Amino acid sequence: MVYCVSYDLRKSDRNYDDLTKELKSFGTWWHQTGSVWIIVTSKTTEEVRDYLMQFVDSNDKLFVVAIKKDWAAVGFNESEYNWMKTIPDASWTS
């Protein structure tokens, strides 16, 4: 499945490197913008959320949503668009 993970981290002085490391651990990922990541995993939305919760504080916000292959974007470079286009069809939500 392809997921968009977004977060709002409330403590500016806290080190969230572990969260970044864990997002990258999914293997197939794109750090799309500041606090938005696209990941590919066989886990469910709840499993991704529950796993990542250990790397954020209780007052932070974390949002995980499955993405359909029907997406649109503007302002990204060609390699970023190509990254989205190379995700296997079987990974997308139908």
N, C-alpha and C. Protein backbone atom coordinates (compact mmCIF):
# COMPACT_ATOMS: atom_id res chain seq x y z
N MET A 1 0.83 -1.18 0.00
CA MET A 1 0.00 0.00 0.00
C MET A 1 0.88 1.25 0.00
N VAL A 2 0.36 2.28 -0.61
CA VAL A 2 1.05 3.57 -0.64
C VAL A 2 0.34 4.49 0.35
N TYR A 3 1.11 5.08 1.24
CA TYR A 3 0.54 5.95 2.27
C TYR A 3 1.19 7.32 2.25
N CYS A 4 0.41 8.29 2.62
CA CYS A 4 0.91 9.62 2.92
C CYS A 4 0.94 9.73 4.44
N VAL A 5 2.10 10.08 4.97
CA VAL A 5 2.26 10.28 6.41
C VAL A 5 2.57 11.75 6.62
N SER A 6 1.76 12.39 7.44
CA SER A 6 1.94 13.80 7.73
C SER A 6 1.96 13.97 9.24
N TYR A 7 2.73 14.94 9.69
CA TYR A 7 2.79 15.17 11.13
C TYR A 7 2.95 16.64 11.44
N ASP A 8 2.55 16.99 12.66
CA ASP A 8 2.74 18.32 13.22
C ASP A 8 3.43 18.10 14.56
N LEU A 9 4.71 18.40 14.62
CA LEU A 9 5.51 18.15 15.82
C LEU A 9 5.56 19.42 16.64
N ARG A 10 5.08 19.36 17.85
CA ARG A 10 4.86 20.53 18.68
C ARG A 10 6.10 21.09 19.38
N LYS A 11 7.07 20.25 19.68
CA LYS A 11 8.24 20.71 20.44
C LYS A 11 9.39 21.05 19.48
N SER A 12 9.66 22.30 19.30
CA SER A 12 10.69 22.72 18.36
C SER A 12 12.10 22.35 18.84
N ASP A 13 12.26 22.16 20.15
CA ASP A 13 13.59 21.84 20.67
C ASP A 13 13.84 20.34 20.81
N ARG A 14 12.86 19.53 20.43
CA ARG A 14 13.01 18.08 20.53
C ARG A 14 13.64 17.52 19.27
N ASN A 15 14.45 16.49 19.42
CA ASN A 15 15.09 15.84 18.29
C ASN A 15 14.18 14.72 17.78
N TYR A 16 13.69 14.87 16.56
CA TYR A 16 12.81 13.87 15.96
C TYR A 16 13.55 13.01 14.94
N ASP A 17 14.86 12.88 15.07
CA ASP A 17 15.64 12.07 14.13
C ASP A 17 15.18 10.62 14.08
N ASP A 18 14.74 10.09 15.22
CA ASP A 18 14.26 8.71 15.24
C ASP A 18 13.03 8.53 14.35
N LEU A 19 12.15 9.53 14.33
CA LEU A 19 10.98 9.47 13.46
C LEU A 19 11.42 9.42 12.00
N THR A 20 12.33 10.28 11.63
CA THR A 20 12.85 10.28 10.26
C THR A 20 13.48 8.93 9.91
N LYS A 21 14.28 8.42 10.81
CA LYS A 21 14.93 7.11 10.59
C LYS A 21 13.90 6.01 10.38
N GLU A 22 12.84 6.03 11.16
CA GLU A 22 11.83 4.99 11.05
C GLU A 22 10.99 5.14 9.78
N LEU A 23 10.72 6.36 9.36
CA LEU A 23 10.02 6.55 8.08
C LEU A 23 10.86 5.99 6.93
N LYS A 24 12.16 6.20 7.00
CA LYS A 24 13.06 5.66 5.97
C LYS A 24 13.16 4.14 6.05
N SER A 25 12.89 3.57 7.22
CA SER A 25 13.02 2.12 7.39
C SER A 25 11.96 1.35 6.61
N PHE A 26 10.92 2.02 6.14
CA PHE A 26 9.91 1.33 5.35
C PHE A 26 10.48 0.89 4.00
N GLY A 27 11.65 1.40 3.64
CA GLY A 27 12.35 0.95 2.43
C GLY A 27 12.05 1.80 1.21
N THR A 28 10.80 1.92 0.86
CA THR A 28 10.40 2.75 -0.27
C THR A 28 9.72 3.98 0.28
N TRP A 29 10.37 5.13 0.14
CA TRP A 29 9.85 6.36 0.73
C TRP A 29 10.28 7.56 -0.09
N TRP A 30 9.53 8.63 0.09
CA TRP A 30 9.86 9.92 -0.50
C TRP A 30 9.50 10.98 0.53
N HIS A 31 10.47 11.77 0.93
CA HIS A 31 10.23 12.89 1.83
C HIS A 31 9.73 14.02 0.95
N GLN A 32 8.43 14.06 0.75
CA GLN A 32 7.81 14.93 -0.24
C GLN A 32 7.98 16.41 0.09
N THR A 33 7.60 16.81 1.28
CA THR A 33 7.77 18.19 1.74
C THR A 33 8.09 18.15 3.23
N GLY A 34 8.27 19.28 3.85
CA GLY A 34 8.71 19.39 5.24
C GLY A 34 8.24 18.32 6.21
N SER A 35 6.94 18.13 6.33
CA SER A 35 6.43 17.15 7.28
C SER A 35 5.51 16.13 6.60
N VAL A 36 5.74 15.89 5.31
CA VAL A 36 4.94 14.94 4.56
C VAL A 36 5.86 13.92 3.91
N TRP A 37 5.55 12.66 4.13
CA TRP A 37 6.30 11.54 3.54
C TRP A 37 5.33 10.64 2.79
N ILE A 38 5.82 10.06 1.71
CA ILE A 38 5.08 9.02 1.01
C ILE A 38 5.87 7.73 1.25
N ILE A 39 5.19 6.69 1.74
CA ILE A 39 5.86 5.42 2.00
C ILE A 39 5.08 4.29 1.34
N VAL A 40 5.77 3.19 1.08
CA VAL A 40 5.14 1.99 0.56
C VAL A 40 5.41 0.86 1.55
N THR A 41 4.35 0.21 2.00
CA THR A 41 4.47 -0.88 2.96
C THR A 41 3.26 -1.80 2.87
N SER A 42 3.41 -3.00 3.36
CA SER A 42 2.27 -3.93 3.41
C SER A 42 1.44 -3.74 4.68
N LYS A 43 1.88 -2.88 5.57
CA LYS A 43 1.15 -2.62 6.82
C LYS A 43 -0.14 -1.85 6.55
N THR A 44 -1.07 -1.93 7.50
CA THR A 44 -2.31 -1.16 7.39
C THR A 44 -2.06 0.27 7.89
N THR A 45 -3.02 1.15 7.65
CA THR A 45 -2.89 2.52 8.14
C THR A 45 -2.74 2.54 9.66
N GLU A 46 -3.52 1.71 10.33
CA GLU A 46 -3.45 1.66 11.80
C GLU A 46 -2.10 1.14 12.27
N GLU A 47 -1.56 0.14 11.60
CA GLU A 47 -0.26 -0.41 11.98
C GLU A 47 0.85 0.62 11.79
N VAL A 48 0.80 1.36 10.70
CA VAL A 48 1.80 2.41 10.47
C VAL A 48 1.68 3.48 11.56
N ARG A 49 0.46 3.94 11.80
CA ARG A 49 0.23 4.95 12.84
C ARG A 49 0.72 4.47 14.20
N ASP A 50 0.30 3.26 14.58
CA ASP A 50 0.66 2.74 15.90
C ASP A 50 2.17 2.58 16.04
N TYR A 51 2.83 2.14 14.99
CA TYR A 51 4.28 1.98 15.03
C TYR A 51 4.98 3.34 15.20
N LEU A 52 4.55 4.33 14.43
CA LEU A 52 5.21 5.64 14.46
C LEU A 52 4.90 6.43 15.73
N MET A 53 3.83 6.10 16.42
CA MET A 53 3.46 6.85 17.63
C MET A 53 4.56 6.84 18.69
N GLN A 54 5.38 5.81 18.71
CA GLN A 54 6.44 5.73 19.71
C GLN A 54 7.56 6.74 19.46
N PHE A 55 7.56 7.37 18.29
CA PHE A 55 8.61 8.32 17.94
C PHE A 55 8.14 9.77 17.97
N VAL A 56 6.90 9.99 18.42
CA VAL A 56 6.38 11.34 18.56
C VAL A 56 5.86 11.52 19.99
N ASP A 57 5.64 12.76 20.39
CA ASP A 57 5.11 13.05 21.71
C ASP A 57 3.58 12.97 21.71
N SER A 58 3.00 12.85 22.88
CA SER A 58 1.55 12.70 23.00
C SER A 58 0.78 13.93 22.49
N ASN A 59 1.42 15.09 22.45
CA ASN A 59 0.72 16.29 21.96
C ASN A 59 1.01 16.57 20.48
N ASP A 60 1.80 15.72 19.83
CA ASP A 60 2.06 15.85 18.40
C ASP A 60 0.87 15.32 17.61
N LYS A 61 0.80 15.68 16.35
CA LYS A 61 -0.24 15.16 15.47
C LYS A 61 0.42 14.26 14.43
N LEU A 62 -0.24 13.15 14.13
CA LEU A 62 0.26 12.19 13.15
C LEU A 62 -0.92 11.71 12.32
N PHE A 63 -0.79 11.77 11.00
CA PHE A 63 -1.88 11.42 10.09
C PHE A 63 -1.34 10.46 9.05
N VAL A 64 -2.02 9.32 8.88
CA VAL A 64 -1.63 8.32 7.89
C VAL A 64 -2.85 8.03 7.03
N VAL A 65 -2.69 8.15 5.72
CA VAL A 65 -3.82 7.92 4.81
C VAL A 65 -3.32 7.15 3.58
N ALA A 66 -4.11 6.18 3.13
CA ALA A 66 -3.78 5.44 1.91
C ALA A 66 -4.03 6.33 0.70
N ILE A 67 -3.17 6.18 -0.29
CA ILE A 67 -3.27 7.01 -1.50
C ILE A 67 -3.68 6.13 -2.68
N LYS A 68 -4.59 6.63 -3.48
CA LYS A 68 -4.97 5.95 -4.72
C LYS A 68 -3.98 6.33 -5.81
N LYS A 69 -3.97 5.52 -6.86
CA LYS A 69 -3.08 5.82 -7.99
C LYS A 69 -3.53 7.09 -8.71
N ASP A 70 -4.75 7.48 -8.50
CA ASP A 70 -5.30 8.70 -9.11
C ASP A 70 -4.88 9.90 -8.26
N TRP A 71 -3.73 10.47 -8.55
CA TRP A 71 -3.20 11.60 -7.78
C TRP A 71 -2.81 12.71 -8.75
N ALA A 72 -2.70 13.89 -8.23
CA ALA A 72 -2.29 15.04 -9.03
C ALA A 72 -1.38 15.91 -8.17
N ALA A 73 -0.45 16.58 -8.80
CA ALA A 73 0.49 17.44 -8.07
C ALA A 73 0.97 18.56 -8.98
N VAL A 74 1.58 19.55 -8.38
CA VAL A 74 2.17 20.64 -9.14
C VAL A 74 3.39 21.15 -8.37
N GLY A 75 4.40 21.58 -9.09
CA GLY A 75 5.55 22.22 -8.47
C GLY A 75 6.71 21.30 -8.12
N PHE A 76 6.59 20.02 -8.43
CA PHE A 76 7.68 19.09 -8.13
C PHE A 76 8.54 18.90 -9.37
N ASN A 77 9.76 18.41 -9.18
CA ASN A 77 10.63 18.20 -10.35
C ASN A 77 10.35 16.84 -10.99
N GLU A 78 10.94 16.62 -12.14
CA GLU A 78 10.65 15.42 -12.92
C GLU A 78 10.98 14.14 -12.17
N SER A 79 12.09 14.13 -11.42
CA SER A 79 12.45 12.90 -10.69
C SER A 79 11.43 12.60 -9.59
N GLU A 80 10.84 13.64 -9.00
CA GLU A 80 9.82 13.41 -7.98
C GLU A 80 8.54 12.84 -8.59
N TYR A 81 8.12 13.37 -9.73
CA TYR A 81 6.97 12.81 -10.42
C TYR A 81 7.25 11.37 -10.83
N ASN A 82 8.45 11.12 -11.34
CA ASN A 82 8.81 9.78 -11.78
C ASN A 82 8.80 8.79 -10.62
N TRP A 83 9.20 9.24 -9.42
CA TRP A 83 9.17 8.36 -8.26
C TRP A 83 7.76 7.84 -8.04
N MET A 84 6.79 8.72 -8.09
CA MET A 84 5.39 8.31 -7.91
C MET A 84 4.92 7.39 -9.04
N LYS A 85 5.39 7.64 -10.24
CA LYS A 85 4.96 6.85 -11.39
C LYS A 85 5.56 5.45 -11.40
N THR A 86 6.66 5.23 -10.67
CA THR A 86 7.30 3.92 -10.69
C THR A 86 6.81 2.97 -9.60
N ILE A 87 5.91 3.42 -8.76
CA ILE A 87 5.36 2.54 -7.72
C ILE A 87 4.52 1.47 -8.41
N PRO A 88 4.75 0.20 -8.10
CA PRO A 88 4.00 -0.88 -8.76
C PRO A 88 2.48 -0.75 -8.55
N ASP A 89 1.72 -1.10 -9.57
CA ASP A 89 0.26 -1.00 -9.51
C ASP A 89 -0.32 -1.71 -8.30
N ALA A 90 0.24 -2.84 -7.93
CA ALA A 90 -0.30 -3.64 -6.82
C ALA A 90 -0.20 -2.92 -5.48
N SER A 91 0.64 -1.90 -5.38
CA SER A 91 0.83 -1.19 -4.11
C SER A 91 -0.25 -0.15 -3.86
N TRP A 92 -0.93 0.27 -4.88
CA TRP A 92 -1.91 1.36 -4.75
C TRP A 92 -3.24 0.86 -4.19
N THR A 93 -3.93 1.74 -3.47
CA THR A 93 -5.28 1.47 -2.98
C THR A 93 -6.22 1.52 -4.18
N SER A 94 -7.13 0.58 -4.23
CA SER A 94 -8.06 0.58 -5.36
C SER A 94 -9.31 1.38 -5.05
